[in-house]
Structure formats: structure tokens, C-alpha cells
């Protein structure tokens, strides 16, 4: 197991390294004083745990986490910072630890013990062994087996839904900040975006690595799915197959999935164009079913 420490303050960096080496149990301990150096080192050493300062020149700890998570989806992160005003955001994501400076040895040891424990959390076992289902008709919901995922923040749920609507497409971080946090100054909005993405990654992407992932390249985010379909994707696929085969049964199967308008209970304005399009396709499918049945009756 490899651990990475990044802090732009030399004294703090040295202190944390001493504690980590005293704790022991790591195959390697990579020490860097900025984000760019850390990314360079990460190209050669797979990172399992990252201890990161938040406020650093050039690249802050949240952005560094984004980039490292692209390389190591299962990496665990602990933020170590002198600024307690990030605490609320950190704990809201419910997937990382947060330690205030000056760092106490016992506090860091507690975090390291939690992260290096070989015992898997029961919820993670459920996630790995159960099917992930995504529903976007009427109300947005994601289930792991029969268990509904509950989000700490509504923004996490909405951002994930937006990325799902735009899956396989790159969306610039500035566009996401303006859309979801229009009233905040750019720096605060970016912080919110980064913590929200981190929350989504730790909730879904780690346990379903290879099936759902969020990439961050060139200041742009993109969501990718493999072997996972939402009810909307299945609806569209069935309509396409029905058109190709002129199959009424496939049309009926498609409309059975339409349990309500697209995200109608959420009230998200960005979803309106797709809601109108899907409703149009649904009504068209109903019309075709009726025409096909009338044609069958006439033939008989």
C-alpha cells in the first residue's frame, strides 16, 4: 500500500511524514510540496491513500484529488489544512476525513487506521454484489439492488443527473459552476463543484469502477457508463429497435417504461428540452401502436 503526502509548507510536510513513517505499514511514502510534482510522482507509483493540504498555490488539494482520482478511482483521501471553514464541505461528502493543523499524532493515526483496515464496510459489500439501476422518468433515483441511495446534498443528486443526461460528453467546469452555483464567487463555486464530484465518485464510481466513472481532463468533466442503462436509455433503445423491425410489442414494452415525464418531480430547468423530446417520442409511439392495431383489425 502506497501513501502520498502533499503540502506546500515544509515544516508541516516534514511533520506529517514523520508521523506516517512512525505509523508504518506502507510500501512507499511519496512526499511532494505541490500538486504538479504529486501528479508526476503518481505516474510512477500507484497511490492508495493521499494526505493533502487544501490551500496550495497553483493547484489546490481538491483539484489535485480530482486528477488523482482519474488515475486511482479507489484512492482514499484525507484533507489536512489549517482552515476550518472547509470542514462543513468536507464532512458533507461523507467519504473523506478532515484533519486540522497542527496535526496531532493520535488524530492522524486514527485516520490511517480507518483507511488501512482490511475489513470492508457492509454497505460496500452490498454495492459490489448488487445491480445498479438508474431511473429518470418522473423522479430521479438510483438504487443498489433494492436499496435507494440517499444523498447528503441535493446538489450531488442533481449534478449526477445532469452528467448522466450529457454522458460521454465533456462539460467545462466553468459551465457547471455557473449552472449549479450562479450566486457564488468563482472560487467558492469551484470548491463546491469539486467536493460534489468527489462525493459522487466515492458513492458510486469506486464500487462500480469500470462500469461508471467520471473523468476530468482539460478542465472538463465527462461521465461514462459501461453495461449500465437508465430507464431512459432502455426506452430509447426499444423505440429504435421497434422502428427498425416495425414491432408493436417492442413499442408497448417501451411505453411501459414511461412512468411519468422526464425528471418531472425535480423541477430542474436544464432538463426541460429533453423532457419535451421524450414526451413527443412517447406520444408518437402511442400513435403508432394505435395505427398498427387498427391496421391489423382491417386486415382481419
Protein backbone atom coordinates (compact mmCIF):
# COMPACT_ATOMS: atom_id res chain seq x y z
CA UNK A 1 0.00 0.00 0.00
CA UNK A 2 1.39 3.39 -1.05
CA UNK A 3 0.70 6.76 0.58
CA UNK A 4 1.13 10.27 -0.82
CA UNK A 5 1.66 13.43 1.26
CA UNK A 6 1.33 16.87 -0.36
CA UNK A 7 1.77 20.18 1.50
CA UNK A 8 3.37 23.44 0.41
CA UNK A 9 4.57 24.21 3.97
CA UNK A 10 7.95 22.47 4.54
CA UNK A 11 7.60 22.15 8.32
CA UNK A 12 4.10 20.70 8.10
CA UNK A 13 5.16 18.32 5.32
CA UNK A 14 8.10 17.04 7.37
CA UNK A 15 5.96 16.60 10.49
CA UNK A 16 3.29 14.58 8.68
CA UNK A 17 5.94 12.41 7.03
CA UNK A 18 7.47 11.62 10.43
CA UNK A 19 4.08 10.55 11.79
CA UNK A 20 3.33 8.40 8.72
CA UNK A 21 6.68 6.62 8.88
CA UNK A 22 6.20 6.06 12.59
CA UNK A 23 2.77 4.54 11.91
CA UNK A 24 4.38 2.22 9.36
CA UNK A 25 2.81 -0.44 7.18
CA UNK A 26 3.24 1.32 3.83
CA UNK A 27 5.29 0.02 0.93
CA UNK A 28 6.22 3.56 -0.05
CA UNK A 29 5.67 7.12 1.19
CA UNK A 30 5.73 9.74 -1.57
CA UNK A 31 6.30 13.31 -0.33
CA UNK A 32 5.64 16.39 -2.50
CA UNK A 33 5.26 20.13 -1.90
CA UNK A 34 2.89 20.91 -4.78
CA UNK A 35 0.23 19.34 -6.95
CA UNK A 36 2.19 19.17 -10.18
CA UNK A 37 5.02 17.29 -8.52
CA UNK A 38 2.49 14.91 -6.98
CA UNK A 39 0.94 14.14 -10.37
CA UNK A 40 4.38 13.45 -11.76
CA UNK A 41 5.18 11.03 -8.95
CA UNK A 42 1.76 9.36 -9.29
CA UNK A 43 2.64 8.40 -12.86
CA UNK A 44 5.24 6.01 -11.41
CA UNK A 45 3.69 4.92 -8.09
CA UNK A 46 0.05 3.79 -7.67
CA UNK A 47 -1.48 5.78 -4.79
CA UNK A 48 -3.78 4.12 -2.27
CA UNK A 49 -4.03 6.93 0.31
CA UNK A 50 -3.45 10.66 -0.17
CA UNK A 51 -2.90 13.16 2.64
CA UNK A 52 -3.44 16.55 1.04
CA UNK A 53 -3.34 20.17 2.09
CA UNK A 54 -6.25 22.15 0.60
CA UNK A 55 -4.94 25.66 0.01
CA UNK A 56 -1.81 25.40 -2.11
CA UNK A 57 -0.51 27.67 -4.89
CA UNK A 58 -1.08 26.60 -8.47
CA UNK A 59 -3.34 23.64 -7.73
CA UNK A 60 -5.41 23.27 -4.57
CA UNK A 61 -5.99 19.98 -2.81
CA UNK A 62 -9.49 19.50 -4.18
CA UNK A 63 -8.37 19.85 -7.79
CA UNK A 64 -5.43 17.54 -7.11
CA UNK A 65 -7.88 14.99 -5.72
CA UNK A 66 -9.88 15.22 -8.95
CA UNK A 67 -6.82 14.49 -11.07
CA UNK A 68 -5.54 11.70 -8.85
CA UNK A 69 -8.98 10.08 -8.74
CA UNK A 70 -8.88 9.78 -12.54
CA UNK A 71 -5.76 7.64 -12.13
CA UNK A 72 -6.74 5.80 -8.95
CA UNK A 73 -10.55 5.57 -8.52
CA UNK A 74 -10.22 3.65 -5.25
CA UNK A 75 -7.77 6.10 -3.68
CA UNK A 76 -8.76 7.33 -0.20
CA UNK A 77 -8.16 10.99 0.62
CA UNK A 78 -7.60 12.83 3.91
CA UNK A 79 -7.53 16.62 3.80
CA UNK A 80 -5.09 18.24 6.23
CA UNK A 81 -5.48 22.00 6.48
CA UNK A 82 -5.19 24.99 8.79
CA UNK A 83 -8.54 26.37 7.63
CA UNK A 84 -11.61 25.08 9.42
CA UNK A 85 -14.03 26.84 7.06
CA UNK A 86 -13.70 23.88 4.68
CA UNK A 87 -14.86 21.44 7.35
CA UNK A 88 -18.58 21.57 6.57
CA UNK A 89 -18.00 20.85 2.88
CA UNK A 90 -15.58 18.04 3.70
CA UNK A 91 -17.92 16.21 6.06
CA UNK A 92 -20.91 16.67 3.77
CA UNK A 93 -19.36 14.42 1.15
CA UNK A 94 -19.27 11.63 3.77
CA UNK A 95 -16.32 9.93 2.07
CA UNK A 96 -13.16 11.60 3.32
CA UNK A 97 -11.50 12.57 6.57
CA UNK A 98 -10.58 16.11 7.55
CA UNK A 99 -7.77 16.99 9.96
CA UNK A 100 -6.96 20.47 11.22
CA UNK A 101 -3.41 21.70 11.72
CA UNK A 102 -1.42 21.48 13.86
CA UNK A 103 -1.69 17.75 13.30
CA UNK A 104 -1.80 15.55 16.38
CA UNK A 105 -0.14 12.18 16.11
CA UNK A 106 -3.08 10.30 17.64
CA UNK A 107 -5.58 12.02 15.31
CA UNK A 108 -3.60 11.10 12.21
CA UNK A 109 -3.07 7.54 13.45
CA UNK A 110 -6.83 7.18 13.90
CA UNK A 111 -7.44 8.27 10.31
CA UNK A 112 -4.74 5.96 8.96
CA UNK A 113 -6.10 3.01 10.93
CA UNK A 114 -9.55 3.58 9.47
CA UNK A 115 -8.19 3.77 5.93
CA UNK A 116 -5.81 0.82 6.13
CA UNK A 117 -8.22 -1.54 7.83
CA UNK A 118 -8.78 -4.69 5.80
CA UNK A 119 -12.38 -5.02 6.94
CA UNK A 120 -14.80 -3.95 4.21
CA UNK A 121 -17.75 -1.80 5.12
CA UNK A 122 -21.02 -3.71 4.82
CA UNK A 123 -22.54 -1.08 2.55
CA UNK A 124 -19.66 -1.52 0.14
CA UNK A 125 -20.17 -5.27 0.05
CA UNK A 126 -23.82 -4.69 -0.84
CA UNK A 127 -22.78 -2.22 -3.55
CA UNK A 128 -20.32 -4.62 -5.14
CA UNK A 129 -22.73 -7.56 -5.14
CA UNK A 130 -25.92 -5.79 -6.25
CA UNK A 131 -27.16 -4.34 -9.51
CA UNK A 132 -27.11 -0.60 -10.03
CA UNK A 133 -30.33 0.81 -11.51
CA UNK A 134 -30.91 4.38 -12.69
CA UNK A 135 -34.42 5.82 -13.06
CA UNK A 136 -35.06 9.21 -14.67
CA UNK A 137 -38.71 9.05 -15.65
CA UNK A 138 -40.92 11.01 -13.22
CA UNK A 139 -38.34 11.15 -10.39
CA UNK A 140 -34.58 10.74 -10.36
CA UNK A 141 -33.41 7.81 -8.29
CA UNK A 142 -30.52 5.38 -8.12
CA UNK A 143 -30.76 2.03 -6.40
CA UNK A 144 -28.21 -0.56 -5.43
CA UNK A 145 -30.27 -3.70 -5.51
CA UNK A 146 -33.41 -2.77 -3.60
CA UNK A 147 -31.69 -0.04 -1.57
CA UNK A 148 -32.33 3.56 -2.57
CA UNK A 149 -29.24 5.77 -2.48
CA UNK A 150 -29.78 8.81 -0.29
CA UNK A 151 -27.62 11.87 -0.94
CA UNK A 152 -26.34 14.22 1.74
CA UNK A 153 -26.85 17.15 -0.60
CA UNK A 154 -29.46 17.70 -3.30
CA UNK A 155 -26.76 19.25 -5.49
CA UNK A 156 -24.94 15.91 -5.65
CA UNK A 157 -28.06 14.23 -6.96
CA UNK A 158 -28.78 16.99 -9.48
CA UNK A 159 -25.20 17.19 -10.74
CA UNK A 160 -25.11 13.43 -11.28
CA UNK A 161 -28.41 13.60 -13.19
CA UNK A 162 -27.02 16.39 -15.39
CA UNK A 163 -23.86 14.40 -16.15
CA UNK A 164 -25.99 11.36 -16.96
CA UNK A 165 -28.05 13.43 -19.40
CA UNK A 166 -24.80 14.54 -21.02
CA UNK A 167 -22.92 11.26 -20.68
CA UNK A 168 -19.92 10.68 -22.93
CA UNK A 169 -19.72 14.46 -23.45
CA UNK A 170 -17.15 16.81 -21.92
CA UNK A 171 -18.57 19.68 -19.90
CA UNK A 172 -16.29 22.52 -18.82
CA UNK A 173 -16.04 23.12 -15.07
CA UNK A 174 -16.94 26.81 -15.54
CA UNK A 175 -20.23 25.85 -17.18
CA UNK A 176 -21.06 23.56 -14.26
CA UNK A 177 -20.18 26.26 -11.72
CA UNK A 178 -22.37 28.82 -13.48
CA UNK A 179 -25.26 26.39 -13.80
CA UNK A 180 -25.29 24.99 -10.27
CA UNK A 181 -23.81 27.81 -8.16
CA UNK A 182 -24.58 31.03 -10.10
CA UNK A 183 -24.76 33.21 -6.99
CA UNK A 184 -21.33 32.26 -5.57
CA UNK A 185 -17.99 33.80 -6.41
CA UNK A 186 -15.98 31.61 -8.85
CA UNK A 187 -13.56 30.27 -6.24
CA UNK A 188 -16.30 29.18 -3.85
CA UNK A 189 -18.36 27.71 -6.70
CA UNK A 190 -15.36 25.67 -7.85
CA UNK A 191 -14.81 24.36 -4.33
CA UNK A 192 -18.46 23.27 -4.20
CA UNK A 193 -18.17 21.57 -7.59
CA UNK A 194 -15.04 19.68 -6.58
CA UNK A 195 -16.47 18.41 -3.29
CA UNK A 196 -19.72 17.40 -5.02
CA UNK A 197 -17.87 15.46 -7.73
CA UNK A 198 -15.79 13.81 -5.03
CA UNK A 199 -18.97 12.79 -3.21
CA UNK A 200 -20.42 11.20 -6.33
CA UNK A 201 -17.18 9.38 -7.09
CA UNK A 202 -16.92 7.89 -3.62
CA UNK A 203 -20.61 6.93 -3.54
CA UNK A 204 -20.70 5.21 -6.96
CA UNK A 205 -17.54 5.22 -9.02
CA UNK A 206 -15.31 3.35 -6.56
CA UNK A 207 -17.70 0.43 -6.03
CA UNK A 208 -18.60 0.30 -9.72
CA UNK A 209 -15.16 1.04 -11.14
CA UNK A 210 -15.17 0.08 -14.81
CA UNK A 211 -18.95 0.46 -15.09
CA UNK A 212 -19.39 4.11 -14.13
CA UNK A 213 -16.68 6.73 -14.00
CA UNK A 214 -16.22 10.49 -14.09
CA UNK A 215 -13.15 11.76 -15.96
CA UNK A 216 -11.53 15.15 -15.54
CA UNK A 217 -9.40 16.22 -18.49
CA UNK A 218 -8.54 19.73 -19.65
CA UNK A 219 -10.79 21.41 -17.05
CA UNK A 220 -13.72 19.35 -18.37
CA UNK A 221 -15.78 16.60 -16.73
CA UNK A 222 -17.34 13.66 -18.54
CA UNK A 223 -19.37 10.71 -17.25
CA UNK A 224 -19.10 7.27 -18.83
CA UNK A 225 -21.25 4.16 -18.37
CA UNK A 226 -20.47 0.56 -19.30
CA UNK A 227 -23.03 -2.25 -19.02
CA UNK A 228 -25.40 0.04 -17.10
CA UNK A 229 -28.56 1.55 -18.58
CA UNK A 230 -31.08 4.00 -17.22
CA UNK A 231 -34.79 3.57 -17.89
CA UNK A 232 -34.50 6.44 -20.39
CA UNK A 233 -31.68 4.69 -22.27
CA UNK A 234 -33.71 1.49 -22.39
CA UNK A 235 -36.78 3.43 -23.58
CA UNK A 236 -34.81 5.00 -26.45
CA UNK A 237 -33.20 1.69 -27.43
CA UNK A 238 -36.57 -0.06 -27.58
CA UNK A 239 -38.07 2.71 -29.72
CA UNK A 240 -35.16 2.45 -32.15
CA UNK A 241 -35.45 -1.34 -32.40
CA UNK A 242 -39.22 -1.10 -32.80
CA UNK A 243 -38.79 1.32 -35.70
CA UNK A 244 -36.21 -0.91 -37.39
CA UNK A 245 -38.34 -4.07 -37.01
CA UNK A 246 -41.79 -2.46 -37.16
CA UNK A 247 -42.53 -4.36 -33.93
CA UNK A 248 -45.58 -3.31 -31.92
CA UNK A 249 -44.58 -5.46 -28.96
CA UNK A 250 -41.33 -3.50 -28.60
CA UNK A 251 -43.28 -0.24 -28.73
CA UNK A 252 -45.55 -1.46 -25.94
CA UNK A 253 -42.53 -2.51 -23.92
CA UNK A 254 -41.03 0.95 -24.38
CA UNK A 255 -44.12 2.87 -23.28
CA UNK A 256 -44.40 0.67 -20.18
CA UNK A 257 -41.15 2.27 -19.01
CA UNK A 258 -42.61 5.76 -19.34
CA UNK A 259 -43.92 6.12 -15.78
CA UNK A 260 -44.01 9.92 -15.96
CA UNK A 261 -42.33 12.79 -17.75
CA UNK A 262 -38.55 13.02 -17.65
CA UNK A 263 -37.46 14.24 -14.18
CA UNK A 264 -40.86 15.95 -13.81
CA UNK A 265 -40.83 15.91 -9.99
CA UNK A 266 -37.40 17.50 -9.72
CA UNK A 267 -38.10 20.91 -11.28
CA UNK A 268 -34.66 21.20 -12.87
CA UNK A 269 -34.86 23.74 -15.69
CA UNK A 270 -31.96 22.27 -17.65
CA UNK A 271 -34.00 19.05 -18.07
CA UNK A 272 -36.91 20.74 -19.89
CA UNK A 273 -35.68 20.30 -23.52
CA UNK A 274 -35.13 16.57 -23.07
CA UNK A 275 -38.46 16.23 -21.23
CA UNK A 276 -40.26 17.73 -24.23
CA UNK A 277 -38.38 15.48 -26.67
CA UNK A 278 -39.11 12.29 -24.72
CA UNK A 279 -42.77 13.19 -24.31
CA UNK A 280 -43.01 13.74 -28.07
CA UNK A 281 -41.44 10.32 -28.69
CA UNK A 282 -43.80 8.70 -26.19
CA UNK A 283 -46.90 10.19 -27.82
CA UNK A 284 -45.61 9.19 -31.23
CA UNK A 285 -45.15 5.60 -30.01
CA UNK A 286 -48.72 5.53 -28.68
CA UNK A 287 -49.96 6.76 -32.04
CA UNK A 288 -48.03 4.08 -33.91
CA UNK A 289 -49.38 1.35 -31.63
CA UNK A 290 -52.92 2.50 -32.29
CA UNK A 291 -52.32 2.67 -36.06
CA UNK A 292 -50.77 -0.81 -36.09
CA UNK A 293 -53.69 -2.29 -34.16
CA UNK A 294 -56.24 -0.59 -36.46
CA UNK A 295 -54.36 -1.92 -39.48
CA UNK A 296 -54.45 -5.43 -38.03
CA UNK A 297 -58.22 -5.19 -37.47
CA UNK A 298 -58.80 -4.04 -41.04
CA UNK A 299 -56.77 -6.95 -42.42
CA UNK A 300 -58.77 -9.39 -40.35
